[in-house]
Amino acid sequence: MSTFSPLRSLCPSSEISEQTRTLESTLWLKRMRLLCKRGNLESEFLLQSYLESLQTSSASTELRGQQNESTCIQALAPDFMSLFETLLQETEQNLFCWLMKHNPQQPQQTIHIPEKYRPLIEDIRANYLK
């Protein structure tokens, strides 16, 4: 599932300039920063911290070897970008429960996390704990 990109719809992908990709990456990053603003501080802190970690080359396996913020964001897989954006559109209550109410010793008492989000939620938690 990929998100609609007005810049990409105007010309074939082979003709998209580096400047256009940089602009798209910058716009996506700004949109994600806005979506990370939540009603509770705990969720907001975890999400913003994770987004910041995506901007560094050592934060994620998708970003190895990248040099700057714009390039790092461009290196993210479109499926990952779409999944992260979809996660950020979930309700405040769901995000809080998925991010904060997890007990590995008693998984039966943990609220059910949808399968598509599970690896991402675990990555967000792991980012916070390091």
Protein backbone atom coordinates (compact mmCIF):
# COMPACT_ATOMS: atom_id res chain seq x y z
CA MET A 1 0.00 0.00 0.00
CA SER A 2 1.58 3.26 -1.07
CA THR A 3 0.46 6.76 -0.32
CA PHE A 4 -0.55 9.15 -3.05
CA SER A 5 2.21 11.51 -4.04
CA PRO A 6 1.22 14.45 -6.23
CA LEU A 7 4.83 14.97 -7.21
CA ARG A 8 5.24 11.39 -8.39
CA SER A 9 1.97 11.40 -10.29
CA LEU A 10 3.14 14.20 -12.58
CA CYS A 11 6.01 12.32 -14.16
CA PRO A 12 7.37 8.78 -14.42
CA SER A 13 9.62 7.61 -11.61
CA SER A 14 12.63 7.53 -13.92
CA GLU A 15 12.28 11.28 -14.47
CA ILE A 16 11.92 12.28 -10.84
CA SER A 17 14.85 14.44 -9.90
CA GLU A 18 16.86 14.18 -6.74
CA GLN A 19 15.48 17.56 -5.73
CA THR A 20 11.91 16.25 -6.03
CA ARG A 21 12.71 13.18 -3.93
CA THR A 22 14.29 15.43 -1.33
CA LEU A 23 11.18 17.63 -1.28
CA GLU A 24 8.89 14.60 -0.92
CA SER A 25 11.03 13.25 1.92
CA THR A 26 10.99 16.60 3.69
CA LEU A 27 7.21 16.88 3.35
CA TRP A 28 6.70 13.31 4.63
CA LEU A 29 8.97 14.00 7.61
CA LYS A 30 7.08 17.20 8.49
CA ARG A 31 3.74 15.38 8.19
CA MET A 32 4.99 12.60 10.48
CA ARG A 33 6.27 15.10 13.04
CA LEU A 34 2.81 16.64 13.15
CA LEU A 35 1.12 13.22 13.46
CA CYS A 36 3.48 12.31 16.32
CA LYS A 37 1.93 15.10 18.38
CA ARG A 38 -0.47 13.19 20.62
CA GLY A 39 -2.86 13.88 23.45
CA ASN A 40 -0.66 12.20 26.02
CA LEU A 41 2.98 12.94 26.60
CA GLU A 42 4.11 9.32 26.92
CA SER A 43 2.97 8.28 23.43
CA GLU A 44 4.19 11.53 21.92
CA PHE A 45 7.64 11.09 23.44
CA LEU A 46 8.01 7.51 22.19
CA LEU A 47 6.82 8.35 18.68
CA GLN A 48 8.91 11.50 18.31
CA SER A 49 11.97 9.71 19.61
CA TYR A 50 11.46 6.92 17.09
CA LEU A 51 10.97 9.37 14.22
CA GLU A 52 14.17 11.17 15.20
CA SER A 53 16.00 7.84 15.23
CA LEU A 54 14.87 7.22 11.64
CA GLN A 55 16.77 10.34 10.64
CA THR A 56 20.12 8.87 11.68
CA SER A 57 22.05 6.24 9.81
CA SER A 58 22.45 3.94 12.80
CA ALA A 59 18.78 3.89 13.83
CA SER A 60 17.28 1.33 11.52
CA THR A 61 18.30 -1.45 9.17
CA GLU A 62 16.51 0.36 6.32
CA LEU A 63 18.90 3.29 6.71
CA ARG A 64 22.38 1.80 6.87
CA GLY A 65 25.04 3.77 5.09
CA GLN A 66 23.07 6.97 4.65
CA GLN A 67 24.58 10.35 5.33
CA ASN A 68 22.00 13.06 6.02
CA GLU A 69 18.43 13.44 7.23
CA SER A 70 16.90 13.85 3.80
CA THR A 71 18.83 10.93 2.32
CA CYS A 72 17.97 8.75 5.32
CA ILE A 73 14.26 9.41 4.92
CA GLN A 74 14.48 8.78 1.16
CA ALA A 75 16.06 5.41 1.88
CA LEU A 76 13.03 4.19 3.82
CA ALA A 77 10.96 1.59 2.04
CA PRO A 78 7.62 3.00 0.79
CA ASP A 79 5.78 0.16 2.56
CA PHE A 80 7.42 1.12 5.85
CA MET A 81 6.58 4.79 5.36
CA SER A 82 2.97 3.91 4.65
CA LEU A 83 2.74 1.59 7.65
CA PHE A 84 4.23 4.19 9.99
CA GLU A 85 1.81 6.83 8.71
CA THR A 86 -1.12 4.42 9.13
CA LEU A 87 0.00 3.64 12.69
CA LEU A 88 0.06 7.35 13.51
CA GLN A 89 -3.54 7.67 12.33
CA GLU A 90 -4.74 5.17 14.94
CA THR A 91 -6.69 6.40 17.95
CA GLU A 92 -4.94 7.84 20.96
CA GLN A 93 -6.21 5.06 23.22
CA ASN A 94 -4.97 2.30 20.92
CA LEU A 95 -1.52 3.82 20.53
CA PHE A 96 -1.15 4.35 24.26
CA CYS A 97 -2.14 0.77 25.05
CA TRP A 98 0.03 -0.74 22.33
CA LEU A 99 3.07 1.33 23.27
CA MET A 100 2.81 1.45 27.04
CA LYS A 101 0.79 -1.49 28.33
CA HIS A 102 3.05 -4.37 27.43
CA ASN A 103 4.20 -7.00 29.87
CA PRO A 104 6.46 -9.65 28.26
CA GLN A 105 6.14 -11.85 31.37
CA GLN A 106 2.33 -11.89 31.05
CA PRO A 107 1.52 -11.56 27.33
CA GLN A 108 -2.04 -12.81 27.90
CA GLN A 109 -2.76 -9.59 29.84
CA THR A 110 -1.40 -7.36 27.09
CA ILE A 111 -3.90 -5.68 24.80
CA HIS A 112 -3.96 -7.26 21.34
CA ILE A 113 -1.69 -5.47 18.84
CA PRO A 114 -2.72 -5.97 15.19
CA GLU A 115 -0.27 -8.24 13.42
CA LYS A 116 0.65 -5.60 10.82
CA TYR A 117 1.80 -3.22 13.58
CA ARG A 118 3.53 -5.69 15.90
CA PRO A 119 7.10 -5.42 14.45
CA LEU A 120 6.83 -1.63 14.26
CA ILE A 121 5.55 -1.32 17.84
CA GLU A 122 8.36 -3.59 19.05
CA ASP A 123 10.89 -1.47 17.15
CA ILE A 124 9.51 1.73 18.70
CA ARG A 125 9.75 0.21 22.19
CA ALA A 126 13.28 -1.11 21.53
CA ASN A 127 14.36 2.32 20.30
CA TYR A 128 13.15 3.88 23.54
CA LEU A 129 14.87 1.28 25.73
CA LYS A 130 18.30 1.67 24.18
